[in-house]
Amino acid sequence: MAQKNGDFFRTARFGGFNKADVMQYIEALEQRLHEQSQAAQALSAQLREARAAQLRWMEEVRLHRRRVSASNQVRRELAQFQKRLDAAQALTAEVEKENAYLREQVRQQEEPPTIAAPVVPLEQLTFRLFMEDLEGEDNDPAEFAYLSI
């Protein structure tokens, strides 16, 4: 193809253009059109892949947000459950303490009463023995002569 001053075709002697130049120009245009079509198809395929990747990414972001939301919900419910559990455990401990107290009270009520031996001071004990001895059959005054009252 000869190009001079913007001319693409050589002129023929009897008017018109050189057939080889026109055919060469048409083939070059077809070649360029084919290359541009392939490039457009490649770009279109890239665009489809990019859009598909973007959609997958957006779906993953949605799923991640849902998981985070669900995780936060579970965390809040777990905290509430833990509070209720702590309150229930405290109540259970209080009931167990009261139950143990009541069992002890019942056990004490069921036991026969124990009578403790009276505690008598030594001074009173010796005086009592003295008095019992005086009331007895054997009233020997010499026996208690060492005691002075």
C-alpha atoms as a PDB file:
ATOM      1  CA  MET A   1       0.000   0.000   0.000  1.00  0.00           C
ATOM      2  CA  ALA A   2       1.508   3.195  -1.047  1.00  0.00           C
ATOM      3  CA  GLN A   3       0.624   6.196   0.974  1.00  0.00           C
ATOM      4  CA  LYS A   4       1.616   9.638  -0.037  1.00  0.00           C
ATOM      5  CA  ASN A   5       0.186  12.725   1.561  1.00  0.00           C
ATOM      6  CA  GLY A   6      -2.763  10.786   3.083  1.00  0.00           C
ATOM      7  CA  ASP A   7      -3.539   8.883  -0.135  1.00  0.00           C
ATOM      8  CA  PHE A   8      -4.106   5.169   0.353  1.00  0.00           C
ATOM      9  CA  PHE A   9      -4.682   4.177  -3.231  1.00  0.00           C
ATOM     10  CA  ARG A  10      -2.773   4.695  -6.396  1.00  0.00           C
ATOM     11  CA  THR A  11      -4.872   5.840  -9.222  1.00  0.00           C
ATOM     12  CA  ALA A  12      -5.326   3.815 -12.373  1.00  0.00           C
ATOM     13  CA  ARG A  13      -4.917   5.156 -15.945  1.00  0.00           C
ATOM     14  CA  PHE A  14      -8.512   4.926 -16.883  1.00  0.00           C
ATOM     15  CA  GLY A  15     -10.055   6.436 -13.747  1.00  0.00           C
ATOM     16  CA  GLY A  16     -10.578   4.827 -10.425  1.00  0.00           C
ATOM     17  CA  PHE A  17      -8.061   3.201  -8.149  1.00  0.00           C
ATOM     18  CA  ASN A  18      -5.550   0.424  -8.347  1.00  0.00           C
ATOM     19  CA  LYS A  19      -7.344  -2.825  -7.568  1.00  0.00           C
ATOM     20  CA  ALA A  20      -4.402  -4.309  -5.601  1.00  0.00           C
ATOM     21  CA  ASP A  21      -4.260  -1.250  -3.349  1.00  0.00           C
ATOM     22  CA  VAL A  22      -7.983  -1.388  -2.682  1.00  0.00           C
ATOM     23  CA  MET A  23      -7.839  -5.151  -1.966  1.00  0.00           C
ATOM     24  CA  GLN A  24      -4.815  -4.681   0.288  1.00  0.00           C
ATOM     25  CA  TYR A  25      -6.634  -1.877   2.156  1.00  0.00           C
ATOM     26  CA  ILE A  26      -9.773  -3.975   2.552  1.00  0.00           C
ATOM     27  CA  GLU A  27      -7.750  -6.961   3.826  1.00  0.00           C
ATOM     28  CA  ALA A  28      -5.885  -4.709   6.274  1.00  0.00           C
ATOM     29  CA  LEU A  29      -9.207  -3.316   7.517  1.00  0.00           C
ATOM     30  CA  GLU A  30     -10.581  -6.842   7.876  1.00  0.00           C
ATOM     31  CA  GLN A  31      -7.441  -7.905   9.720  1.00  0.00           C
ATOM     32  CA  ARG A  32      -7.659  -4.887  12.027  1.00  0.00           C
ATOM     33  CA  LEU A  33     -11.392  -5.488  12.535  1.00  0.00           C
ATOM     34  CA  HIS A  34     -10.694  -9.138  13.362  1.00  0.00           C
ATOM     35  CA  GLU A  35      -7.940  -8.163  15.843  1.00  0.00           C
ATOM     36  CA  GLN A  36     -10.173  -5.539  17.440  1.00  0.00           C
ATOM     37  CA  SER A  37     -13.016  -8.053  17.636  1.00  0.00           C
ATOM     38  CA  GLN A  38     -10.730 -10.566  19.362  1.00  0.00           C
ATOM     39  CA  ALA A  39      -9.434  -7.879  21.713  1.00  0.00           C
ATOM     40  CA  ALA A  40     -13.016  -6.830  22.472  1.00  0.00           C
ATOM     41  CA  GLN A  41     -13.966 -10.456  23.118  1.00  0.00           C
ATOM     42  CA  ALA A  42     -10.939 -10.866  25.372  1.00  0.00           C
ATOM     43  CA  LEU A  43     -11.832  -7.663  27.235  1.00  0.00           C
ATOM     44  CA  SER A  44     -15.440  -8.796  27.449  1.00  0.00           C
ATOM     45  CA  ALA A  45     -14.298 -12.136  28.889  1.00  0.00           C
ATOM     46  CA  GLN A  46     -12.070 -10.283  31.367  1.00  0.00           C
ATOM     47  CA  LEU A  47     -14.966  -8.032  32.284  1.00  0.00           C
ATOM     48  CA  ARG A  48     -17.250 -11.044  32.828  1.00  0.00           C
ATOM     49  CA  GLU A  49     -14.595 -12.699  34.988  1.00  0.00           C
ATOM     50  CA  ALA A  50     -14.058  -9.473  36.938  1.00  0.00           C
ATOM     51  CA  ARG A  51     -17.797  -9.063  37.455  1.00  0.00           C
ATOM     52  CA  ALA A  52     -18.112 -12.707  38.536  1.00  0.00           C
ATOM     53  CA  ALA A  53     -15.194 -12.234  40.936  1.00  0.00           C
ATOM     54  CA  GLN A  54     -16.766  -9.030  42.253  1.00  0.00           C
ATOM     55  CA  LEU A  55     -20.106 -10.812  42.750  1.00  0.00           C
ATOM     56  CA  ARG A  56     -18.355 -13.669  44.568  1.00  0.00           C
ATOM     57  CA  TRP A  57     -16.509 -11.133  46.724  1.00  0.00           C
ATOM     58  CA  MET A  58     -19.748  -9.274  47.473  1.00  0.00           C
ATOM     59  CA  GLU A  59     -21.453 -12.550  48.396  1.00  0.00           C
ATOM     60  CA  GLU A  60     -18.528 -13.450  50.670  1.00  0.00           C
ATOM     61  CA  VAL A  61     -18.799 -10.009  52.301  1.00  0.00           C
ATOM     62  CA  ARG A  62     -22.547 -10.563  52.839  1.00  0.00           C
ATOM     63  CA  LEU A  63     -21.877 -13.995  54.316  1.00  0.00           C
ATOM     64  CA  HIS A  64     -19.130 -12.565  56.526  1.00  0.00           C
ATOM     65  CA  ARG A  65     -21.475  -9.824  57.758  1.00  0.00           C
ATOM     66  CA  ARG A  66     -24.180 -12.399  58.478  1.00  0.00           C
ATOM     67  CA  ARG A  67     -21.682 -14.567  60.353  1.00  0.00           C
ATOM     68  CA  VAL A  68     -20.448 -11.571  62.352  1.00  0.00           C
ATOM     69  CA  SER A  69     -24.035 -10.585  63.113  1.00  0.00           C
ATOM     70  CA  ALA A  70     -24.896 -14.145  64.128  1.00  0.00           C
ATOM     71  CA  SER A  71     -21.730 -14.353  66.214  1.00  0.00           C
ATOM     72  CA  ASN A  72     -22.606 -11.110  67.997  1.00  0.00           C
ATOM     73  CA  GLN A  73     -26.145 -12.372  68.576  1.00  0.00           C
ATOM     74  CA  VAL A  74     -24.813 -15.623  70.022  1.00  0.00           C
ATOM     75  CA  ARG A  75     -22.359 -13.664  72.188  1.00  0.00           C
ATOM     76  CA  ARG A  76     -25.175 -11.471  73.561  1.00  0.00           C
ATOM     77  CA  GLU A  77     -27.411 -14.470  74.226  1.00  0.00           C
ATOM     78  CA  LEU A  78     -24.517 -16.295  75.875  1.00  0.00           C
ATOM     79  CA  ALA A  79     -23.893 -13.309  78.171  1.00  0.00           C
ATOM     80  CA  GLN A  80     -27.590 -13.217  79.101  1.00  0.00           C
ATOM     81  CA  PHE A  81     -27.585 -16.965  79.683  1.00  0.00           C
ATOM     82  CA  GLN A  82     -24.458 -16.661  81.829  1.00  0.00           C
ATOM     83  CA  LYS A  83     -26.164 -13.993  83.957  1.00  0.00           C
ATOM     84  CA  ARG A  84     -29.226 -16.211  84.387  1.00  0.00           C
ATOM     85  CA  LEU A  85     -26.989 -19.189  85.182  1.00  0.00           C
ATOM     86  CA  ASP A  86     -25.065 -17.204  87.813  1.00  0.00           C
ATOM     87  CA  ALA A  87     -28.333 -16.071  89.390  1.00  0.00           C
ATOM     88  CA  ALA A  88     -29.664 -19.646  89.356  1.00  0.00           C
ATOM     89  CA  GLN A  89     -26.440 -20.956  90.900  1.00  0.00           C
ATOM     90  CA  ALA A  90     -26.591 -18.303  93.628  1.00  0.00           C
ATOM     91  CA  LEU A  91     -30.212 -19.222  94.309  1.00  0.00           C
ATOM     92  CA  THR A  92     -29.325 -22.919  94.344  1.00  0.00           C
ATOM     93  CA  ALA A  93     -26.513 -22.280  96.827  1.00  0.00           C
ATOM     94  CA  GLU A  94     -28.882 -20.314  99.051  1.00  0.00           C
ATOM     95  CA  VAL A  95     -31.513 -23.069  98.861  1.00  0.00           C
ATOM     96  CA  GLU A  96     -28.861 -25.694  99.651  1.00  0.00           C
ATOM     97  CA  LYS A  97     -27.701 -23.696 102.655  1.00  0.00           C
ATOM     98  CA  GLU A  98     -31.272 -23.329 103.912  1.00  0.00           C
ATOM     99  CA  ASN A  99     -31.907 -27.017 103.212  1.00  0.00           C
ATOM    100  CA  ALA A 100     -28.832 -28.009 105.252  1.00  0.00           C
ATOM    101  CA  TYR A 101     -30.005 -25.786 108.112  1.00  0.00           C
ATOM    102  CA  LEU A 102     -33.489 -27.285 108.020  1.00  0.00           C
ATOM    103  CA  ARG A 103     -32.107 -30.844 107.901  1.00  0.00           C
ATOM    104  CA  GLU A 104     -30.023 -30.065 110.979  1.00  0.00           C
ATOM    105  CA  GLN A 105     -33.111 -28.700 112.710  1.00  0.00           C
ATOM    106  CA  VAL A 106     -35.064 -31.846 111.810  1.00  0.00           C
ATOM    107  CA  ARG A 107     -32.201 -34.062 112.980  1.00  0.00           C
ATOM    108  CA  GLN A 108     -32.066 -32.220 116.292  1.00  0.00           C
ATOM    109  CA  GLN A 109     -35.842 -32.550 116.698  1.00  0.00           C
ATOM    110  CA  GLU A 110     -35.697 -36.294 116.007  1.00  0.00           C
ATOM    111  CA  GLU A 111     -32.892 -36.974 118.514  1.00  0.00           C
ATOM    112  CA  PRO A 112     -33.922 -37.782 122.036  1.00  0.00           C
ATOM    113  CA  PRO A 113     -33.040 -34.958 124.371  1.00  0.00           C
ATOM    114  CA  THR A 114     -29.806 -35.464 126.181  1.00  0.00           C
ATOM    115  CA  ILE A 115     -29.714 -34.533 129.822  1.00  0.00           C
ATOM    116  CA  ALA A 116     -26.374 -33.329 130.904  1.00  0.00           C
ATOM    117  CA  ALA A 117     -25.098 -34.271 134.308  1.00  0.00           C
ATOM    118  CA  PRO A 118     -25.393 -31.334 136.616  1.00  0.00           C
ATOM    119  CA  VAL A 119     -22.211 -29.615 137.419  1.00  0.00           C
ATOM    120  CA  VAL A 120     -21.789 -29.093 141.121  1.00  0.00           C
ATOM    121  CA  PRO A 121     -18.905 -27.051 142.492  1.00  0.00           C
ATOM    122  CA  LEU A 122     -16.524 -28.926 144.752  1.00  0.00           C
ATOM    123  CA  GLU A 123     -17.467 -26.891 147.839  1.00  0.00           C
ATOM    124  CA  GLN A 124     -21.110 -27.793 147.490  1.00  0.00           C
ATOM    125  CA  LEU A 125     -20.255 -31.414 146.764  1.00  0.00           C
ATOM    126  CA  THR A 126     -18.258 -31.843 149.969  1.00  0.00           C
ATOM    127  CA  PHE A 127     -21.012 -30.166 151.994  1.00  0.00           C
ATOM    128  CA  ARG A 128     -23.608 -32.426 150.403  1.00  0.00           C
ATOM    129  CA  LEU A 129     -21.608 -35.520 151.172  1.00  0.00           C
ATOM    130  CA  PHE A 130     -21.262 -34.246 154.695  1.00  0.00           C
ATOM    131  CA  MET A 131     -24.993 -33.789 155.020  1.00  0.00           C
ATOM    132  CA  GLU A 132     -25.736 -37.190 153.540  1.00  0.00           C
ATOM    133  CA  ASP A 133     -23.329 -38.746 155.922  1.00  0.00           C
ATOM    134  CA  LEU A 134     -25.019 -37.048 158.859  1.00  0.00           C
ATOM    135  CA  GLU A 135     -28.383 -38.407 157.808  1.00  0.00           C
ATOM    136  CA  GLY A 136     -27.019 -41.913 157.440  1.00  0.00           C
ATOM    137  CA  GLU A 137     -26.858 -44.632 160.094  1.00  0.00           C
ATOM    138  CA  ASP A 138     -23.303 -44.079 160.962  1.00  0.00           C
ATOM    139  CA  ASN A 139     -23.207 -40.759 162.907  1.00  0.00           C
ATOM    140  CA  ASP A 140     -19.779 -40.879 164.400  1.00  0.00           C
ATOM    141  CA  PRO A 141     -18.804 -37.293 165.398  1.00  0.00           C
ATOM    142  CA  ALA A 142     -15.154 -38.211 165.564  1.00  0.00           C
ATOM    143  CA  GLU A 143     -15.199 -38.984 161.871  1.00  0.00           C
ATOM    144  CA  PHE A 144     -15.714 -35.344 160.886  1.00  0.00           C
ATOM    145  CA  ALA A 145     -13.718 -33.787 163.685  1.00  0.00           C
ATOM    146  CA  TYR A 146     -11.148 -32.444 161.321  1.00  0.00           C
ATOM    147  CA  LEU A 147     -13.766 -30.357 159.539  1.00  0.00           C
ATOM    148  CA  SER A 148     -14.489 -27.076 161.139  1.00  0.00           C
ATOM    149  CA  ILE A 149     -17.438 -25.103 159.981  1.00  0.00           C
END
